[in-house]
Each structure stands twice: as structure tokens, then as C-alpha cells.
Amino acid sequence: MIVLAGLTVDFPDRGIRAIDGIDLHVGAGEHVALLGRSGAGKSTLLRALLGAVPPASGTVRVGGRDPWASATDARALRRSTGVIRQGNDLVLGLSGRLNALMGTASEWGLRDWVAALRGGVPARYADRLAALADRHDITDALEARVNQLSGGQRQRVALCRALLPEPQLLLADEPTTGLDPASAGAVVEALRATEGVTLLVATHDVAVARAFPRVVALREGATAYDGPEFDEEAAMAVYGVAV
């Protein structure tokens, strides 16, 4: 699903090399934690996969597509990718249901908009949204305003929004930031329960990373570790201290 070869990303206006020659292969359906300190390059790597930042050198392939090859490839890539951004980007004054539906709004016709704005669900998404809400235990939360929900509920609404269009790839940027341990654990469990979707989760939290079968750790924009278990030796490579 993901193939990076010698990927380098620079921000010349800030004199920063954010990604420094990364090679990465992620298979279809694989779940991977992308671990590192703030500034290690995690978010930039996710943005590069979406075609939001251009490579200075190297190549990016996602689902066989190069996001910089053509506008058609870029649009197809974004349609097949679900994204949970840091802070989740939910609209606090709207219901959880409307927020969850927004992941499909680019495909709506007039009837879909009328159904959603009248407090319903466009018919073609009703069954899938109900199933996602049940699976992630937010059926009641969908009818409340987002500003009335807990942090963990908000993240699960964001997860449903990302999964509703049935993406092939799901990218989550620091999905547990600001959550207590129990809520963070529930969000990680929900992410890990996604089947048939390639999942890449950027996190600075070693406890979150250890819940995944594969950990890729970054340090100063380069790969410091790639393996199935993040142990003390790996922590030394990434952080310079045992974790």
C-alpha cells in the first residue's frame, strides 16, 4: 500500500530538512505505529503520503499512485484515504452525526444534503454509519453536540468520519493527545479493530506504539527503528534513554 524510496522533504524557508532519506514499505492491511518525539517528522511524513508536501528527492507511492504525478492520481488518493488529524477537526456546535457524515460530503447530491440538514442520514450511508457507531459505542453520542462529548467520544466520532467512505488507507496523527489513559486505550482499541484497512498512526506515546504489531520510529527525520517490538534497545536508538 505504501512505498517510500529515499524520501526527503525540505522546508527551505525555515531551513529545515523534515524528512531525510526515508525508505518505507507498508503492506495492504498492515497496522503500523509511527513513533517519535515532537519534530521527528511524523506529521510531515503523513502529509507527504497525502501529497500535501512535495518531496525534495525520492519517491512516494500510495496504492500504486504517485500523488505528484497528476491531479487525477492526487484526487483518487485522497478519496481512498481516511484522515484523523491532530485535534480531530470536528465542528463543536454540530452533532456527532453531522460530523461523522462530513467525511462523505464531497460525494453528496441534493437529496443527501436535504436528509442530513433535516437531522437524518443520507440513505446510502445509513447502514454503514449505524454499524460503525455500534462497533465503536457512540450510537447515542452521534445525536449529541460535539462540545458535549468526552475527548474519547470525539476521537471515535472522528474515526467513524474517516471510515465512513470505506477508505483503503487510514492515517491518524496523534489520536490520543490530551486523553486520559482509559480513553486513550479505548481509542487505540478502536483503531486496531479496523479490518481490511491499512493503518498508520503517528504518536509520541510509547505505550500507544506498543499496542501495534509493527513500530517505525523516527529521529530527526530519519528511520531510527523498524520492527515488531519496541524494546529498551530501540528506545535508546530513538530517545537516547530507556523507556
Protein backbone atom coordinates (compact mmCIF):
# COMPACT_ATOMS: atom_id res chain seq x y z
CA MET A 1 0.00 0.00 0.00
CA ILE A 2 2.80 2.44 0.88
CA VAL A 3 6.23 2.55 -0.77
CA LEU A 4 8.67 5.34 0.06
CA ALA A 5 12.13 5.27 -1.51
CA GLY A 6 14.76 7.77 -0.38
CA LEU A 7 12.07 10.28 0.55
CA THR A 8 13.45 13.68 1.54
CA VAL A 9 11.25 16.67 2.41
CA ASP A 10 12.69 20.14 2.94
CA PHE A 11 11.18 23.40 4.13
CA PRO A 12 13.71 25.83 2.62
CA ASP A 13 12.02 28.94 4.00
CA ARG A 14 12.69 27.63 7.51
CA GLY A 15 15.99 25.95 6.74
CA ILE A 16 14.58 22.59 7.84
CA ARG A 17 15.04 19.09 6.47
CA ALA A 18 11.94 17.43 7.92
CA ILE A 19 12.36 14.01 6.27
CA ASP A 20 15.83 12.71 5.48
CA GLY A 21 16.03 9.81 3.00
CA ILE A 22 13.34 7.51 4.40
CA ASP A 23 12.65 4.10 2.87
CA LEU A 24 9.38 2.53 3.99
CA HIS A 25 7.18 -0.32 2.77
CA VAL A 26 3.78 -0.92 4.38
CA GLY A 27 1.68 -3.81 3.11
CA ALA A 28 -2.05 -3.72 2.43
CA GLY A 29 -3.98 -4.24 5.65
CA GLU A 30 -0.93 -3.72 7.87
CA HIS A 31 -1.22 -1.71 11.09
CA VAL A 32 1.86 0.39 11.91
CA ALA A 33 2.68 2.87 14.67
CA LEU A 34 4.89 5.78 13.58
CA LEU A 35 6.70 6.80 16.76
CA GLY A 36 8.88 9.77 17.59
CA ARG A 37 9.35 12.96 19.55
CA SER A 38 7.70 16.19 18.51
CA GLY A 39 9.58 17.45 15.46
CA ALA A 40 10.82 14.00 14.44
CA GLY A 41 8.99 14.21 11.09
CA LYS A 42 5.88 12.09 11.79
CA SER A 43 3.25 14.62 10.68
CA THR A 44 5.32 15.65 7.66
CA LEU A 45 5.54 12.03 6.57
CA LEU A 46 1.74 11.67 6.79
CA ARG A 47 1.32 14.87 4.78
CA ALA A 48 3.75 13.56 2.16
CA LEU A 49 1.61 10.43 1.78
CA LEU A 50 -1.39 12.68 1.03
CA GLY A 51 0.54 14.76 -1.48
CA ALA A 52 0.31 17.82 0.77
CA VAL A 53 4.06 18.47 0.82
CA PRO A 54 6.34 17.84 -2.17
CA PRO A 55 9.41 15.59 -1.97
CA ALA A 56 12.76 17.28 -2.46
CA SER A 57 14.01 13.90 -3.65
CA GLY A 58 12.93 10.27 -3.62
CA THR A 59 9.56 8.78 -4.49
CA VAL A 60 6.15 8.31 -2.90
CA ARG A 61 3.69 5.59 -3.95
CA VAL A 62 0.39 5.01 -2.16
CA GLY A 63 -1.80 2.27 -3.55
CA GLY A 64 0.38 2.38 -6.65
CA ARG A 65 -0.29 6.09 -7.14
CA ASP A 66 2.14 8.98 -7.11
CA PRO A 67 0.31 11.98 -5.62
CA TRP A 68 2.50 14.31 -7.67
CA ALA A 69 2.12 12.51 -11.00
CA SER A 70 -1.23 14.06 -11.90
CA ALA A 71 -4.25 15.81 -10.43
CA THR A 72 -6.27 12.68 -11.19
CA ASP A 73 -3.95 10.50 -9.11
CA ALA A 74 -3.99 13.04 -6.28
CA ARG A 75 -7.80 13.13 -6.19
CA ALA A 76 -8.07 9.33 -6.32
CA LEU A 77 -5.55 9.02 -3.49
CA ARG A 78 -7.44 11.44 -1.26
CA ARG A 79 -10.75 9.69 -1.94
CA SER A 80 -9.25 6.36 -0.87
CA THR A 81 -7.59 7.73 2.29
CA GLY A 82 -9.23 8.44 5.64
CA VAL A 83 -7.54 11.00 7.88
CA ILE A 84 -7.79 11.74 11.61
CA ARG A 85 -5.92 14.98 12.21
CA GLN A 86 -4.41 16.06 15.49
CA GLY A 87 -7.21 17.78 17.37
CA ASN A 88 -9.69 15.85 15.17
CA ASP A 89 -11.10 18.92 13.30
CA LEU A 90 -14.68 18.30 14.48
CA VAL A 91 -17.18 21.18 14.43
CA LEU A 92 -18.09 21.60 18.10
CA GLY A 93 -21.53 23.15 17.55
CA LEU A 94 -22.77 20.36 15.28
CA SER A 95 -23.97 16.91 16.25
CA GLY A 96 -21.70 13.91 16.23
CA ARG A 97 -23.86 12.52 13.43
CA LEU A 98 -23.31 15.51 11.14
CA ASN A 99 -19.60 15.49 11.90
CA ALA A 100 -19.37 11.78 11.09
CA LEU A 101 -21.21 12.32 7.82
CA MET A 102 -18.87 15.13 6.70
CA GLY A 103 -16.34 12.54 5.56
CA THR A 104 -18.65 11.74 2.63
CA ALA A 105 -19.99 15.24 1.88
CA SER A 106 -17.90 15.67 -1.28
CA GLU A 107 -19.97 12.87 -2.85
CA TRP A 108 -23.40 14.17 -1.80
CA GLY A 109 -26.22 15.12 -4.12
CA LEU A 110 -29.15 17.40 -3.29
CA ARG A 111 -31.18 14.62 -1.61
CA ASP A 112 -28.24 13.72 0.61
CA TRP A 113 -27.85 17.33 1.78
CA VAL A 114 -31.59 17.64 2.45
CA ALA A 115 -31.59 14.42 4.50
CA ALA A 116 -28.55 15.47 6.56
CA LEU A 117 -29.76 19.01 7.22
CA ARG A 118 -33.16 17.73 8.31
CA GLY A 119 -31.50 15.65 11.01
CA GLY A 120 -31.36 12.36 9.15
CA VAL A 121 -28.73 10.32 7.35
CA PRO A 122 -28.43 10.03 3.56
CA ALA A 123 -29.92 6.63 2.73
CA ARG A 124 -26.78 5.23 1.09
CA TYR A 125 -24.76 5.78 4.29
CA ALA A 126 -27.37 4.88 6.91
CA ASP A 127 -26.50 1.21 7.42
CA ARG A 128 -22.74 1.74 7.43
CA LEU A 129 -22.89 4.67 9.86
CA ALA A 130 -25.16 2.69 12.20
CA ALA A 131 -22.77 -0.27 12.11
CA LEU A 132 -19.71 1.93 12.76
CA ALA A 133 -21.43 3.74 15.62
CA ASP A 134 -22.45 0.44 17.21
CA ARG A 135 -18.97 -1.06 16.80
CA HIS A 136 -17.32 1.96 18.43
CA ASP A 137 -20.02 2.52 21.06
CA ILE A 138 -21.08 6.03 20.03
CA THR A 139 -24.67 5.46 18.85
CA ASP A 140 -26.04 7.87 21.47
CA ALA A 141 -23.10 10.25 21.10
CA LEU A 142 -23.96 10.83 17.44
CA GLU A 143 -27.11 12.71 18.47
CA ALA A 144 -25.33 14.99 20.95
CA ARG A 145 -23.40 18.12 20.04
CA VAL A 146 -19.67 17.51 19.87
CA ASN A 147 -18.98 20.07 22.60
CA GLN A 148 -21.00 17.84 24.97
CA LEU A 149 -18.87 14.75 24.28
CA SER A 150 -15.81 13.47 26.10
CA GLY A 151 -12.42 13.51 24.40
CA GLY A 152 -12.58 9.78 23.77
CA GLN A 153 -16.05 10.04 22.23
CA ARG A 154 -14.88 12.86 19.96
CA GLN A 155 -12.00 10.76 18.70
CA ARG A 156 -14.33 7.85 17.98
CA VAL A 157 -16.64 10.20 16.05
CA ALA A 158 -13.58 11.31 14.07
CA LEU A 159 -12.73 7.66 13.45
CA CYS A 160 -16.24 6.97 12.14
CA ARG A 161 -15.99 10.04 9.90
CA ALA A 162 -12.72 8.75 8.45
CA LEU A 163 -14.04 5.20 7.96
CA LEU A 164 -17.49 6.02 6.55
CA PRO A 165 -16.26 6.46 2.93
CA GLU A 166 -14.65 2.96 3.16
CA PRO A 167 -11.03 4.04 2.64
CA GLN A 168 -8.19 1.69 1.77
CA LEU A 169 -5.75 3.67 3.94
CA LEU A 170 -6.28 5.35 7.31
CA LEU A 171 -3.82 7.94 8.66
CA ALA A 172 -4.15 9.10 12.28
CA ASP A 173 -1.99 11.92 13.65
CA GLU A 174 -1.58 11.81 17.46
CA PRO A 175 -5.11 10.45 18.04
CA THR A 176 -4.66 10.06 21.82
CA THR A 177 -3.25 13.52 22.64
CA GLY A 178 -4.98 15.04 25.66
CA LEU A 179 -6.84 11.85 26.61
CA ASP A 180 -6.66 10.08 29.95
CA PRO A 181 -5.16 6.56 29.85
CA ALA A 182 -8.55 4.78 29.78
CA SER A 183 -9.88 6.94 26.92
CA ALA A 184 -6.59 6.63 25.03
CA GLY A 185 -6.75 2.87 25.39
CA ALA A 186 -10.30 2.81 24.03
CA VAL A 187 -9.28 4.89 21.01
CA VAL A 188 -6.29 2.64 20.28
CA GLU A 189 -8.52 -0.42 20.59
CA ALA A 190 -10.99 1.14 18.15
CA LEU A 191 -8.22 1.91 15.67
CA ARG A 192 -6.79 -1.60 15.95
CA ALA A 193 -10.28 -3.04 15.32
CA THR A 194 -10.38 -1.60 11.80
CA GLU A 195 -10.21 -4.58 9.44
CA GLY A 196 -9.21 -4.57 5.80
CA VAL A 197 -7.72 -1.07 6.09
CA THR A 198 -4.04 -0.16 6.07
CA LEU A 199 -3.43 1.90 9.20
CA LEU A 200 -0.57 4.28 10.01
CA VAL A 201 -0.78 6.01 13.42
CA ALA A 202 1.67 8.79 14.31
CA THR A 203 2.30 9.04 18.06
CA HIS A 204 4.85 10.24 20.59
CA ASP A 205 3.47 7.80 23.18
CA VAL A 206 5.47 4.60 23.59
CA ALA A 207 2.50 2.89 25.30
CA VAL A 208 0.36 3.55 22.22
CA ALA A 209 3.09 2.33 19.86
CA ARG A 210 3.50 -0.91 21.79
CA ALA A 211 -0.16 -1.78 21.05
CA PHE A 212 0.76 -2.21 17.37
CA PRO A 213 2.37 -5.23 15.69
CA ARG A 214 4.96 -3.02 13.98
CA VAL A 215 6.67 0.15 15.14
CA VAL A 216 8.56 2.52 12.84
CA ALA A 217 10.37 5.14 14.91
CA LEU A 218 11.75 8.41 13.56
CA ARG A 219 14.54 10.56 14.90
CA GLU A 220 15.43 13.88 13.27
CA GLY A 221 13.58 12.93 10.09
CA ALA A 222 15.25 9.54 9.61
CA THR A 223 14.27 5.99 10.48
CA ALA A 224 15.82 5.01 13.81
CA TYR A 225 13.93 1.75 14.28
CA ASP A 226 11.62 -0.55 12.31
CA GLY A 227 10.49 -3.77 13.93
CA PRO A 228 7.78 -5.77 15.69
CA GLU A 229 8.66 -4.89 19.28
CA PHE A 230 9.75 -1.56 20.68
CA ASP A 231 12.14 -2.65 23.41
CA GLU A 232 14.75 -0.91 25.56
CA GLU A 233 17.40 -1.10 22.84
CA ALA A 234 15.03 0.51 20.36
CA ALA A 235 14.16 3.23 22.88
CA MET A 236 17.83 4.06 23.23
CA ALA A 237 18.09 4.43 19.45
CA VAL A 238 15.12 6.80 19.28
CA TYR A 239 15.25 8.74 22.52
CA GLY A 240 18.74 8.15 23.82
CA VAL A 241 17.24 6.80 27.06
CA ALA A 242 15.45 3.63 28.10
CA VAL A 243 11.65 3.93 28.10
